[in-house]
């Protein structure tokens, strides 16, 4: 298999709005001893990509400066220590960066097979969201069958993954979304209760739905949601915080943590140790991939853009008008 020396990729010359991105040519990356090189077919667009482009979420020092945290494509080269994947295997993968490109390297341990019956486009939208949800909801917050779970931003990639996995593992699911259309979609995909945060106070609605409160909340909003989340939690409840779209510096009454014996956890997937992400990949393959292959959990792709239209893809992401994943088609 002949691999070129150069490739097309998305470059960001300086932090700013979507228009600062452009397509350029650069060298094809070389896999390390534990890495694979993937000929990228599709890449997922995620909020952290927008934050990195804007200059508020810099990549780790050892990561590619190219945007893109998840891809699907074909393995075309592998490092000396890699035995789990062969040249020609189709995979989807979490990446340390570099996904908005024709070729991308990533640790072999972060790769997963394309679920049976899924297209490579659908699979490209799995890693970032499902690694994140499994890490925070099931590992850290220990959501269990019979508990009540709430996730904000129900029609985001994270939200839709969380709703479906929580339902598949036996939880009652509450979610919030920003329009009647989005509320209806959340219900159609499995949420037991979907609330319009623009017209309803979710903390008051939770009191109506469950007098004891909810056991686990996954939140990426922050701001004034934080105190309301603490009010919503039941005794021994767990709040998993993964982002702060409305700000991280807030004033709130932390007595709820003592009075309800609450646990607050937080994490950033990209900064997690490589071994942690490898463990998450193994857990997903064992516990989640069978659900995908049974279609008990499905893909929701709102729009797919050619790589040349990456500016439009980021503009759509930042508009919050989408329901589900936004994808980049790198190779047709």
Protein backbone atom coordinates (compact mmCIF):
# COMPACT_ATOMS: atom_id res chain seq x y z
CA UNK A 1 0.00 0.00 0.00
CA UNK A 2 1.54 3.26 -1.14
CA UNK A 3 1.22 6.11 1.33
CA UNK A 4 1.85 9.64 0.04
CA UNK A 5 4.27 11.97 1.79
CA UNK A 6 1.83 14.91 1.94
CA UNK A 7 -1.88 15.28 2.69
CA UNK A 8 -4.68 17.81 2.89
CA UNK A 9 -5.68 18.96 6.36
CA UNK A 10 -7.41 21.82 8.16
CA UNK A 11 -5.11 24.54 9.47
CA UNK A 12 -5.85 27.30 11.97
CA UNK A 13 -3.42 30.20 11.56
CA UNK A 14 -4.64 32.15 14.58
CA UNK A 15 -7.43 31.75 17.15
CA UNK A 16 -10.77 33.08 16.09
CA UNK A 17 -14.20 32.36 14.56
CA UNK A 18 -14.80 29.54 12.05
CA UNK A 19 -13.45 31.56 9.13
CA UNK A 20 -9.87 31.31 10.47
CA UNK A 21 -9.76 27.68 9.28
CA UNK A 22 -8.41 26.81 5.87
CA UNK A 23 -7.36 23.74 3.88
CA UNK A 24 -3.64 23.31 3.31
CA UNK A 25 -1.07 20.62 2.59
CA UNK A 26 1.35 19.15 5.10
CA UNK A 27 3.36 16.01 5.81
CA UNK A 28 1.63 12.71 6.52
CA UNK A 29 2.25 11.87 10.20
CA UNK A 30 4.30 8.81 11.09
CA UNK A 31 2.94 6.28 13.59
CA UNK A 32 4.88 5.67 16.79
CA UNK A 33 5.66 2.20 18.04
CA UNK A 34 2.22 1.80 19.64
CA UNK A 35 0.24 3.72 17.01
CA UNK A 36 -1.63 3.09 13.80
CA UNK A 37 -1.90 5.38 10.79
CA UNK A 38 -5.48 5.74 9.56
CA UNK A 39 -6.54 6.77 6.07
CA UNK A 40 -9.43 8.94 7.27
CA UNK A 41 -12.83 8.60 5.61
CA UNK A 42 -14.88 10.68 8.08
CA UNK A 43 -14.17 12.82 11.13
CA UNK A 44 -16.60 13.97 13.80
CA UNK A 45 -17.02 17.63 14.72
CA UNK A 46 -17.17 18.28 18.48
CA UNK A 47 -17.40 21.25 20.83
CA UNK A 48 -13.76 20.86 21.95
CA UNK A 49 -12.72 21.35 18.30
CA UNK A 50 -14.51 24.71 18.29
CA UNK A 51 -12.88 25.65 21.59
CA UNK A 52 -9.42 24.73 20.28
CA UNK A 53 -10.02 26.77 17.13
CA UNK A 54 -11.10 29.73 19.27
CA UNK A 55 -7.94 29.46 21.39
CA UNK A 56 -9.60 28.43 24.67
CA UNK A 57 -8.69 24.72 24.62
CA UNK A 58 -5.08 24.25 23.52
CA UNK A 59 -3.94 20.75 22.58
CA UNK A 60 -1.52 18.88 24.85
CA UNK A 61 2.14 19.53 23.99
CA UNK A 62 2.61 16.08 22.44
CA UNK A 63 -0.62 16.16 20.35
CA UNK A 64 -1.10 17.18 16.74
CA UNK A 65 -2.08 20.85 16.41
CA UNK A 66 -4.60 19.79 13.73
CA UNK A 67 -8.21 19.75 14.96
CA UNK A 68 -10.20 16.54 15.25
CA UNK A 69 -10.68 14.07 18.11
CA UNK A 70 -12.48 11.18 16.39
CA UNK A 71 -12.25 9.49 13.00
CA UNK A 72 -13.13 6.38 11.07
CA UNK A 73 -11.16 4.93 8.20
CA UNK A 74 -8.69 2.23 7.21
CA UNK A 75 -5.46 1.23 8.92
CA UNK A 76 -2.65 1.75 6.40
CA UNK A 77 0.42 1.47 8.65
CA UNK A 78 1.17 0.35 12.18
CA UNK A 79 3.95 0.74 14.71
CA UNK A 80 6.40 -1.99 15.64
CA UNK A 81 4.52 -2.93 18.83
CA UNK A 82 1.03 -3.13 17.32
CA UNK A 83 -0.45 -6.61 16.96
CA UNK A 84 -4.17 -5.90 17.51
CA UNK A 85 -4.85 -4.34 14.10
CA UNK A 86 -3.80 -5.33 10.60
CA UNK A 87 -3.18 -3.25 7.52
CA UNK A 88 -6.55 -2.90 5.76
CA UNK A 89 -8.72 -3.07 8.90
CA UNK A 90 -11.54 -0.56 9.09
CA UNK A 91 -11.70 1.14 12.49
CA UNK A 92 -13.19 4.06 14.34
CA UNK A 93 -10.92 5.77 16.83
CA UNK A 94 -10.48 8.38 19.49
CA UNK A 95 -7.49 10.52 18.59
CA UNK A 96 -5.19 12.90 20.49
CA UNK A 97 -5.79 15.38 17.65
CA UNK A 98 -5.24 15.42 13.91
CA UNK A 99 -8.59 14.06 12.74
CA UNK A 100 -9.39 16.86 10.25
CA UNK A 101 -6.90 15.40 7.79
CA UNK A 102 -6.54 12.73 5.15
CA UNK A 103 -4.27 10.71 7.45
CA UNK A 104 -4.20 10.58 11.23
CA UNK A 105 -2.16 8.66 13.82
CA UNK A 106 -3.57 7.43 17.11
CA UNK A 107 -2.70 4.77 19.70
CA UNK A 108 -3.84 1.35 18.53
CA UNK A 109 -5.46 0.82 21.94
CA UNK A 110 -7.87 3.70 21.28
CA UNK A 111 -9.29 2.07 18.14
CA UNK A 112 -12.49 0.06 17.91
CA UNK A 113 -14.00 -2.00 15.11
CA UNK A 114 -16.82 -0.65 12.97
CA UNK A 115 -19.94 -2.11 14.64
CA UNK A 116 -21.60 -4.77 12.50
CA UNK A 117 -24.32 -3.21 10.36
CA UNK A 118 -23.03 0.35 10.82
CA UNK A 119 -21.63 2.53 8.07
CA UNK A 120 -18.16 3.97 8.44
CA UNK A 121 -19.75 7.44 8.57
CA UNK A 122 -21.97 6.45 11.50
CA UNK A 123 -19.05 4.86 13.32
CA UNK A 124 -16.90 7.99 12.96
CA UNK A 125 -19.32 9.81 15.26
CA UNK A 126 -19.03 7.32 18.12
CA UNK A 127 -15.66 7.63 19.90
CA UNK A 128 -15.58 11.11 21.45
CA UNK A 129 -19.14 10.96 22.78
CA UNK A 130 -19.19 7.35 23.92
CA UNK A 131 -15.77 7.44 25.59
CA UNK A 132 -16.94 10.59 27.43
CA UNK A 133 -20.32 9.22 28.51
CA UNK A 134 -18.96 5.86 29.65
CA UNK A 135 -16.14 7.54 31.57
CA UNK A 136 -18.33 10.03 33.41
CA UNK A 137 -21.76 8.42 33.76
CA UNK A 138 -20.93 4.77 34.30
CA UNK A 139 -17.34 4.67 35.62
CA UNK A 140 -17.14 7.84 37.69
CA UNK A 141 -20.79 8.43 38.63
CA UNK A 142 -21.65 4.70 38.80
CA UNK A 143 -25.13 4.96 37.28
CA UNK A 144 -26.99 1.75 38.07
CA UNK A 145 -30.15 0.00 36.91
CA UNK A 146 -33.26 1.47 38.55
CA UNK A 147 -31.71 4.89 39.22
CA UNK A 148 -32.83 8.22 37.76
CA UNK A 149 -30.45 10.05 35.44
CA UNK A 150 -30.53 13.57 34.00
CA UNK A 151 -28.45 14.98 31.16
CA UNK A 152 -28.50 18.54 29.88
CA UNK A 153 -28.22 19.30 26.18
CA UNK A 154 -30.18 16.21 25.19
CA UNK A 155 -29.88 16.67 21.43
CA UNK A 156 -26.11 17.15 21.43
CA UNK A 157 -23.91 14.19 20.52
CA UNK A 158 -23.12 13.70 24.21
CA UNK A 159 -26.77 14.05 25.19
CA UNK A 160 -28.09 11.53 22.68
CA UNK A 161 -25.40 9.01 23.61
CA UNK A 162 -26.15 9.48 27.31
CA UNK A 163 -29.93 9.17 26.91
CA UNK A 164 -29.64 5.95 24.93
CA UNK A 165 -27.01 4.27 27.09
CA UNK A 166 -28.76 5.19 30.35
CA UNK A 167 -32.02 3.71 29.03
CA UNK A 168 -30.26 0.59 27.74
CA UNK A 169 -28.78 -0.01 31.19
CA UNK A 170 -32.10 0.38 32.98
CA UNK A 171 -32.25 3.99 34.23
CA UNK A 172 -35.13 6.44 34.15
CA UNK A 173 -33.96 9.36 31.98
CA UNK A 174 -34.70 13.07 32.26
CA UNK A 175 -33.17 15.54 29.81
CA UNK A 176 -33.30 19.22 28.89
CA UNK A 177 -33.33 20.76 25.42
CA UNK A 178 -33.94 24.16 23.87
CA UNK A 179 -37.06 23.85 21.70
CA UNK A 180 -40.27 21.89 21.32
CA UNK A 181 -38.75 20.06 18.34
CA UNK A 182 -35.70 19.04 20.34
CA UNK A 183 -37.80 17.98 23.34
CA UNK A 184 -39.91 15.76 21.07
CA UNK A 185 -36.79 14.22 19.53
CA UNK A 186 -35.35 13.39 22.96
CA UNK A 187 -38.56 11.60 23.87
CA UNK A 188 -38.56 9.71 20.57
CA UNK A 189 -35.07 8.38 21.21
CA UNK A 190 -35.80 7.13 24.70
CA UNK A 191 -35.96 9.92 27.29
CA UNK A 192 -38.74 9.36 29.82
CA UNK A 193 -39.05 13.10 30.49
CA UNK A 194 -37.78 15.93 28.26
CA UNK A 195 -37.91 19.53 29.46
CA UNK A 196 -37.66 22.75 27.46
CA UNK A 197 -35.17 24.80 29.45
CA UNK A 198 -36.33 27.99 27.70
CA UNK A 199 -39.89 27.69 29.02
CA UNK A 200 -39.55 25.42 32.07
CA UNK A 201 -37.48 25.58 35.26
CA UNK A 202 -35.88 22.15 35.22
CA UNK A 203 -35.27 22.16 38.98
CA UNK A 204 -38.98 22.71 39.65
CA UNK A 205 -39.94 20.10 37.05
CA UNK A 206 -37.65 17.52 38.62
CA UNK A 207 -39.46 18.00 41.94
CA UNK A 208 -42.70 17.16 40.16
CA UNK A 209 -41.26 14.15 38.35
CA UNK A 210 -39.36 12.62 41.26
CA UNK A 211 -39.88 13.67 44.85
CA UNK A 212 -36.57 12.09 45.90
CA UNK A 213 -34.62 13.77 43.10
CA UNK A 214 -32.21 12.28 40.57
CA UNK A 215 -29.27 10.01 41.26
CA UNK A 216 -26.85 11.15 38.54
CA UNK A 217 -26.59 14.34 36.48
CA UNK A 218 -24.29 14.84 33.49
CA UNK A 219 -23.78 18.55 32.86
CA UNK A 220 -21.76 20.51 30.32
CA UNK A 221 -23.47 23.87 30.89
CA UNK A 222 -22.20 25.10 34.26
CA UNK A 223 -23.09 28.68 35.20
CA UNK A 224 -26.36 28.93 37.10
CA UNK A 225 -27.11 25.28 36.30
CA UNK A 226 -24.66 24.23 39.01
CA UNK A 227 -26.75 25.20 42.04
CA UNK A 228 -29.93 23.98 40.38
CA UNK A 229 -28.23 20.64 39.69
CA UNK A 230 -27.33 20.33 43.37
CA UNK A 231 -30.97 21.02 44.28
CA UNK A 232 -32.13 18.29 41.87
CA UNK A 233 -29.90 15.56 43.23
CA UNK A 234 -31.23 12.91 45.60
CA UNK A 235 -29.44 11.78 48.76
CA UNK A 236 -26.08 10.29 47.76
CA UNK A 237 -26.52 11.83 44.30
CA UNK A 238 -23.62 12.35 41.88
CA UNK A 239 -22.94 15.31 39.60
CA UNK A 240 -20.55 14.72 36.70
CA UNK A 241 -19.33 18.02 35.23
CA UNK A 242 -17.67 17.84 31.82
CA UNK A 243 -17.79 21.41 30.46
CA UNK A 244 -18.84 24.99 31.29
CA UNK A 245 -20.63 26.50 28.30
CA UNK A 246 -22.12 29.18 30.59
CA UNK A 247 -19.05 29.71 32.76
CA UNK A 248 -17.09 27.98 35.49
CA UNK A 249 -16.87 30.79 38.07
CA UNK A 250 -20.15 30.81 39.96
CA UNK A 251 -21.55 31.52 43.40
CA UNK A 252 -23.74 28.79 44.80
CA UNK A 253 -24.81 27.21 48.08
CA UNK A 254 -22.47 24.27 48.64
CA UNK A 255 -24.35 23.15 51.76
CA UNK A 256 -26.34 20.85 49.48
CA UNK A 257 -23.22 18.70 49.17
CA UNK A 258 -23.10 18.13 52.94
CA UNK A 259 -26.82 17.88 53.58
CA UNK A 260 -27.40 15.37 50.76
CA UNK A 261 -24.00 13.63 50.96
CA UNK A 262 -23.39 14.45 47.28
CA UNK A 263 -20.42 13.63 45.11
CA UNK A 264 -19.19 16.07 42.45
CA UNK A 265 -16.73 14.79 39.85
CA UNK A 266 -15.19 16.26 36.74
CA UNK A 267 -12.92 15.16 33.94
CA UNK A 268 -11.53 16.12 30.57
CA UNK A 269 -11.13 13.18 28.23
CA UNK A 270 -8.28 14.63 26.19
CA UNK A 271 -6.06 15.16 29.24
CA UNK A 272 -6.75 11.69 30.66
CA UNK A 273 -3.77 9.28 30.70
CA UNK A 274 -3.41 7.08 27.60
CA UNK A 275 -3.94 3.97 29.72
CA UNK A 276 -7.25 5.33 30.92
CA UNK A 277 -8.49 5.81 27.37
CA UNK A 278 -7.32 2.31 26.46
CA UNK A 279 -9.35 0.93 29.39
CA UNK A 280 -12.40 2.89 28.23
CA UNK A 281 -12.03 1.42 24.72
CA UNK A 282 -12.00 -2.10 26.19
CA UNK A 283 -15.10 -1.37 28.28
CA UNK A 284 -16.96 0.05 25.29
CA UNK A 285 -16.12 -2.94 23.12
CA UNK A 286 -17.34 -5.32 25.83
CA UNK A 287 -20.44 -3.50 27.10
CA UNK A 288 -21.59 -1.01 24.46
CA UNK A 289 -20.62 -2.42 21.07
CA UNK A 290 -23.13 -5.31 21.43
CA UNK A 291 -25.89 -2.72 21.97
CA UNK A 292 -24.82 -0.88 18.82
CA UNK A 293 -24.83 -4.07 16.78
CA UNK A 294 -28.30 -4.93 18.07
CA UNK A 295 -29.39 -1.37 17.13
CA UNK A 296 -30.58 -0.80 20.68
CA UNK A 297 -28.50 2.37 20.41
CA UNK A 298 -28.53 4.24 17.13
CA UNK A 299 -26.61 6.94 15.35
CA UNK A 300 -28.10 10.39 14.79
CA UNK A 301 -26.28 12.42 12.13
CA UNK A 302 -27.67 15.89 11.52
CA UNK A 303 -25.40 16.94 8.65
CA UNK A 304 -22.26 15.88 6.81
CA UNK A 305 -19.95 18.42 5.16
CA UNK A 306 -17.03 17.88 2.82
CA UNK A 307 -13.70 18.80 4.39
CA UNK A 308 -13.61 21.94 2.22
CA UNK A 309 -16.72 23.15 4.08
CA UNK A 310 -15.30 22.83 7.59
CA UNK A 311 -16.13 26.50 8.23
CA UNK A 312 -19.83 25.75 7.66
CA UNK A 313 -19.63 22.71 9.94
CA UNK A 314 -18.24 24.77 12.83
CA UNK A 315 -20.75 27.55 12.24
CA UNK A 316 -23.58 25.03 12.51
CA UNK A 317 -22.09 23.53 15.68
CA UNK A 318 -21.88 26.96 17.32
CA UNK A 319 -25.45 27.85 16.27
CA UNK A 320 -26.80 24.93 18.35
CA UNK A 321 -29.49 24.42 15.71
CA UNK A 322 -28.48 20.82 15.06
CA UNK A 323 -29.86 17.59 16.49
CA UNK A 324 -27.16 14.94 16.71
CA UNK A 325 -23.74 14.70 15.14
CA UNK A 326 -22.06 16.95 12.60
CA UNK A 327 -19.59 15.07 10.41
CA UNK A 328 -16.79 15.88 7.96
CA UNK A 329 -16.39 13.76 4.84
CA UNK A 330 -12.64 13.58 4.27
CA UNK A 331 -12.71 11.01 1.46
CA UNK A 332 -15.84 10.37 -0.58
